[in-house]
Amino acid sequence: MRLISPVIIFDGSSYLSCYFKPEHAAATMESIDVTWGNPPYQAYDAEGRLLEIQTIDEKGNLSPSSPNVNNRFVKIISTEEQPTHAKKLRALIEYDLQENHNVSVSEKQKLSDLVAILFKVKAPNKKANGVVLPILIIEDQNKINVFYSLYKCMKFLQPDKVRKKLYEGWDGFGQWLKFDIMTKSKYLDILSKGEKNIIKKIYNFFSTMGLPEELVNISNEIAIPTSNMDLKKLLKERIKKEGWESNDLATLINYYAWMHK
């Protein structure tokens, strides 16, 4: 049966969670909660197919309903070819975004748009220096590097390659990144005005080689990319073998990053 990621889990009361793949969602669930939870979990794919949440034994066989389920595992599968629960899923997402995240929604927005917004607010991203993790750095229009640390990404970037414009960068919200080369005196002056733990992190990351004479700073202050690179097309080509689909750039970035974490 067809299943379009991400997978959305409803806790039966008022909260939604969002996962890249069904196995990721299943890994967070306890079999005893699936079997005896009241109210029960509900699972949907991105288009509104109701998914079946199963408990299985160590051999992959369906386990019977009984109190002794602690050693059983959770599996999520698709049982619908067509998305017959799209209206229900839309109502759940609208409520969650408005009540739990103070996000306004419109009747004009498609379900796919709402799923993309939900994915963004639920994904385990952290903001650093205005940049939302993860970070994707593309070298030579082809090689993709994934970073879940702003400082590791700064350490990776080489000033000479930045000057030659051999890098392109996007953050976890699909924002195109700007690279600025700073001299040692400039970045130390900036860091000295910030939090001490930031200075400590910079020192720790560069301690083995000494502080560099130049450092590449990353920001997202330019909203419109100056690149002609089609990152969405590139990511779709890389993940199409996974049977995963999305037209939202931020969703594609987060899914690709998760695959290569």
Protein backbone atom coordinates (compact mmCIF):
# COMPACT_ATOMS: atom_id res chain seq x y z
CA MET A 1 0.00 0.00 0.00
CA ARG A 2 1.08 3.59 -0.65
CA LEU A 3 2.58 5.66 2.17
CA ILE A 4 3.81 9.23 1.77
CA SER A 5 6.10 10.61 4.45
CA PRO A 6 6.22 12.29 6.87
CA VAL A 7 4.22 10.14 9.28
CA ILE A 8 2.00 12.02 11.72
CA ILE A 9 1.05 10.54 15.09
CA PHE A 10 -1.97 11.77 17.08
CA ASP A 11 -1.83 10.99 20.79
CA GLY A 12 -5.60 10.70 21.03
CA SER A 13 -6.08 13.94 22.93
CA SER A 14 -4.65 17.13 21.44
CA TYR A 15 -1.00 16.68 20.38
CA LEU A 16 0.62 15.69 17.09
CA SER A 17 4.15 14.48 16.46
CA CYS A 18 5.85 14.21 13.08
CA TYR A 19 8.48 11.73 11.85
CA PHE A 20 10.44 11.20 8.67
CA LYS A 21 9.60 7.51 8.31
CA PRO A 22 7.19 5.05 9.97
CA GLU A 23 10.02 3.18 11.66
CA HIS A 24 11.19 6.41 13.28
CA ALA A 25 7.72 6.96 14.73
CA ALA A 26 7.43 3.32 15.84
CA ALA A 27 10.76 3.57 17.67
CA THR A 28 9.34 6.23 19.99
CA MET A 29 6.22 4.24 20.95
CA GLU A 30 5.76 1.68 23.72
CA SER A 31 3.92 -1.50 22.77
CA ILE A 32 1.89 -1.44 25.98
CA ASP A 33 0.63 2.06 25.12
CA VAL A 34 -0.33 0.91 21.62
CA THR A 35 -2.22 -2.09 22.96
CA TRP A 36 -3.86 -0.60 26.03
CA GLY A 37 -3.64 3.15 25.53
CA ASN A 38 -6.82 5.10 26.22
CA PRO A 39 -7.38 7.06 24.08
CA PRO A 40 -5.44 5.07 21.44
CA TYR A 41 -2.77 6.43 19.12
CA GLN A 42 -3.72 7.31 15.55
CA ALA A 43 -1.24 7.44 12.67
CA TYR A 44 -1.54 9.08 9.25
CA ASP A 45 0.66 9.57 6.25
CA ALA A 46 1.16 13.02 4.69
CA GLU A 47 -1.82 12.68 2.35
CA GLY A 48 -4.32 11.44 4.93
CA ARG A 49 -4.07 7.66 4.76
CA LEU A 50 -4.92 6.07 8.09
CA LEU A 51 -2.00 3.85 9.10
CA GLU A 52 -2.20 0.73 11.22
CA ILE A 53 -0.11 0.63 14.39
CA GLN A 54 0.72 -2.98 15.21
CA THR A 55 2.53 -4.77 18.03
CA ILE A 56 4.70 -7.64 16.86
CA ASP A 57 6.94 -10.21 18.50
CA GLU A 58 10.68 -10.65 17.94
CA LYS A 59 9.97 -12.78 14.83
CA GLY A 60 7.79 -10.11 13.26
CA ASN A 61 4.52 -11.92 13.92
CA LEU A 62 1.46 -10.03 15.11
CA SER A 63 1.18 -10.38 18.88
CA PRO A 64 -2.19 -11.02 20.54
CA SER A 65 -3.75 -8.45 22.83
CA SER A 66 -2.66 -9.26 26.37
CA PRO A 67 -1.20 -7.39 29.34
CA ASN A 68 2.21 -9.00 28.75
CA VAL A 69 3.43 -6.79 25.89
CA ASN A 70 6.61 -5.29 27.32
CA ASN A 71 8.87 -7.39 25.11
CA ARG A 72 6.97 -6.70 21.91
CA PHE A 73 7.75 -4.19 19.20
CA VAL A 74 5.74 -1.55 17.36
CA LYS A 75 5.29 -1.49 13.60
CA ILE A 76 3.41 1.05 11.48
CA ILE A 77 2.08 0.04 8.07
CA SER A 78 -0.22 1.45 5.41
CA THR A 79 -3.53 -0.30 4.82
CA GLU A 80 -5.13 2.24 2.48
CA GLU A 81 -4.43 2.87 -1.17
CA GLN A 82 -6.37 6.16 -1.18
CA PRO A 83 -6.19 8.91 1.51
CA THR A 84 -9.69 8.53 2.95
CA HIS A 85 -8.89 10.46 6.16
CA ALA A 86 -7.52 13.67 4.63
CA LYS A 87 -10.25 15.86 6.16
CA LYS A 88 -9.66 14.41 9.63
CA LEU A 89 -5.91 14.90 9.33
CA ARG A 90 -6.34 18.48 8.17
CA ALA A 91 -8.57 19.26 11.16
CA LEU A 92 -6.02 17.75 13.55
CA ILE A 93 -3.13 19.72 12.01
CA GLU A 94 -5.07 22.99 12.01
CA TYR A 95 -5.93 22.57 15.68
CA ASP A 96 -2.38 21.64 16.67
CA LEU A 97 -0.78 24.53 14.78
CA GLN A 98 -3.22 27.09 16.15
CA GLU A 99 -3.48 25.87 19.74
CA ASN A 100 -0.01 24.48 20.42
CA HIS A 101 2.18 26.66 18.18
CA ASN A 102 0.15 29.86 17.62
CA VAL A 103 0.41 29.43 13.84
CA SER A 104 -2.37 30.92 11.72
CA VAL A 105 -3.84 28.73 8.99
CA SER A 106 -6.07 29.47 6.02
CA GLU A 107 -8.70 27.48 4.13
CA LYS A 108 -6.76 28.30 0.96
CA GLN A 109 -3.75 26.30 2.15
CA LYS A 110 -3.45 22.79 0.77
CA LEU A 111 -3.03 19.83 3.10
CA SER A 112 0.52 19.38 1.79
CA ASP A 113 1.30 22.98 2.83
CA LEU A 114 -0.04 22.37 6.35
CA VAL A 115 1.96 19.13 6.64
CA ALA A 116 5.12 21.02 5.63
CA ILE A 117 4.46 23.68 8.29
CA LEU A 118 3.78 20.99 10.89
CA PHE A 119 7.00 19.22 9.96
CA LYS A 120 8.97 22.43 10.42
CA VAL A 121 7.59 23.20 13.88
CA LYS A 122 7.92 19.59 15.07
CA ALA A 123 11.34 18.76 13.64
CA PRO A 124 14.09 18.70 16.31
CA ASN A 125 15.89 21.79 15.01
CA LYS A 126 17.89 24.23 17.06
CA LYS A 127 18.47 27.84 16.15
CA ALA A 128 22.06 29.06 16.23
CA ASN A 129 23.28 32.43 14.97
CA GLY A 130 19.96 32.87 13.16
CA VAL A 131 20.56 29.60 11.29
CA VAL A 132 18.21 26.65 11.79
CA LEU A 133 19.89 23.27 11.96
CA PRO A 134 20.58 21.02 10.11
CA ILE A 135 22.85 22.77 7.60
CA LEU A 136 23.47 21.46 4.10
CA ILE A 137 26.66 22.59 2.36
CA ILE A 138 26.91 21.76 -1.33
CA GLU A 139 30.36 21.56 -2.92
CA ASP A 140 30.86 21.90 -6.67
CA GLN A 141 27.10 21.76 -7.30
CA ASN A 142 27.01 18.07 -6.39
CA LYS A 143 28.59 16.88 -3.12
CA ILE A 144 26.26 17.33 -0.14
CA ASN A 145 27.65 17.75 3.39
CA VAL A 146 25.34 17.62 6.43
CA PHE A 147 26.00 19.42 9.72
CA TYR A 148 24.06 19.46 12.99
CA SER A 149 26.55 21.90 14.52
CA LEU A 150 27.10 25.47 13.38
CA TYR A 151 30.65 25.42 14.72
CA LYS A 152 31.61 22.19 12.96
CA CYS A 153 30.26 23.70 9.76
CA MET A 154 32.35 26.84 10.30
CA LYS A 155 35.40 24.67 10.83
CA PHE A 156 34.68 22.75 7.62
CA LEU A 157 34.37 25.80 5.36
CA GLN A 158 37.60 26.92 3.73
CA PRO A 159 37.96 30.67 3.05
CA ASP A 160 39.69 30.12 -0.31
CA LYS A 161 36.81 27.96 -1.56
CA VAL A 162 34.33 30.58 -0.32
CA ARG A 163 36.16 33.22 -2.38
CA LYS A 164 35.92 30.96 -5.44
CA LYS A 165 32.20 30.43 -4.72
CA LEU A 166 32.55 26.66 -4.56
CA TYR A 167 30.02 26.33 -1.72
CA GLU A 168 26.27 26.75 -1.53
CA GLY A 169 24.46 26.48 1.80
CA TRP A 170 20.89 26.04 3.09
CA ASP A 171 19.56 25.67 6.61
CA GLY A 172 16.78 23.47 8.02
CA PHE A 173 14.06 25.99 7.11
CA GLY A 174 15.17 26.09 3.48
CA GLN A 175 16.86 29.47 3.89
CA TRP A 176 19.79 30.19 1.62
CA LEU A 177 22.93 30.95 3.64
CA LYS A 178 25.43 33.74 3.28
CA PHE A 179 29.15 33.19 3.90
CA ASP A 180 31.36 36.02 5.19
CA ILE A 181 35.12 35.74 5.61
CA MET A 182 36.31 37.38 8.83
CA THR A 183 39.86 38.08 9.91
CA LYS A 184 41.08 36.77 13.25
CA SER A 185 40.92 40.17 14.91
CA LYS A 186 37.38 40.77 13.63
CA TYR A 187 35.83 37.49 14.73
CA LEU A 188 37.57 37.57 18.12
CA ASP A 189 36.20 41.06 18.65
CA ILE A 190 32.68 39.87 17.74
CA LEU A 191 32.95 36.79 19.92
CA SER A 192 34.25 38.78 22.89
CA LYS A 193 30.97 40.70 22.92
CA GLY A 194 28.90 37.53 22.97
CA GLU A 195 28.34 34.72 25.44
CA LYS A 196 31.43 33.15 26.95
CA ASN A 197 30.23 29.65 26.11
CA ILE A 198 30.27 30.60 22.39
CA ILE A 199 33.89 31.71 22.68
CA LYS A 200 34.71 28.46 24.47
CA LYS A 201 33.12 26.38 21.71
CA ILE A 202 35.08 28.22 19.03
CA TYR A 203 38.31 27.68 20.95
CA ASN A 204 37.52 23.98 21.50
CA PHE A 205 36.79 23.31 17.84
CA PHE A 206 39.96 25.01 16.63
CA SER A 207 42.24 24.11 19.53
CA THR A 208 44.04 21.28 17.69
CA MET A 209 45.22 23.59 14.90
CA GLY A 210 45.18 26.92 16.67
CA LEU A 211 42.82 29.75 15.89
CA PRO A 212 42.79 30.40 12.13
CA GLU A 213 43.76 33.72 10.62
CA GLU A 214 40.44 33.73 8.79
CA LEU A 215 37.07 32.25 9.71
CA VAL A 216 33.93 31.79 7.60
CA ASN A 217 30.85 33.15 9.33
CA ILE A 218 27.40 31.82 8.38
CA SER A 219 24.17 33.81 8.36
CA ASN A 220 20.79 33.79 6.62
CA GLU A 221 20.38 37.54 6.22
CA ILE A 222 19.89 37.19 2.46
CA ALA A 223 16.45 35.67 1.94
CA ILE A 224 16.60 35.23 -1.85
CA PRO A 225 19.31 32.90 -3.19
CA THR A 226 21.74 34.38 -5.68
CA SER A 227 22.46 30.85 -6.90
CA ASN A 228 20.96 29.16 -9.94
CA MET A 229 21.36 25.77 -8.30
CA ASP A 230 18.17 23.68 -8.06
CA LEU A 231 18.65 22.12 -4.62
CA LYS A 232 15.10 20.74 -4.56
CA LYS A 233 15.74 18.78 -7.77
CA LEU A 234 19.09 17.50 -6.48
CA LEU A 235 17.60 16.28 -3.17
CA LYS A 236 14.65 14.63 -4.91
CA GLU A 237 17.06 12.67 -7.09
CA ARG A 238 19.06 11.55 -4.05
CA ILE A 239 16.09 10.32 -1.99
CA LYS A 240 13.72 9.00 -4.67
CA LYS A 241 14.91 5.43 -4.01
CA GLU A 242 13.47 5.71 -0.51
CA GLY A 243 9.94 6.05 -1.93
CA TRP A 244 9.63 9.41 -0.20
CA GLU A 245 8.05 12.48 -1.77
CA SER A 246 7.76 16.18 -0.98
CA ASN A 247 7.77 19.48 -2.86
CA ASP A 248 8.74 21.49 0.20
CA LEU A 249 12.45 22.37 0.29
CA ALA A 250 12.73 22.47 4.10
CA THR A 251 11.12 19.04 4.38
CA LEU A 252 13.51 17.63 1.77
CA ILE A 253 16.51 19.14 3.59
CA ASN A 254 15.50 17.67 6.94
CA TYR A 255 14.74 14.27 5.48
CA TYR A 256 18.05 14.08 3.59
CA ALA A 257 19.93 15.21 6.71
CA TRP A 258 18.21 12.54 8.78
CA MET A 259 19.17 9.87 6.24
CA HIS A 260 22.83 10.88 6.51
CA LYS A 261 23.01 11.70 10.20
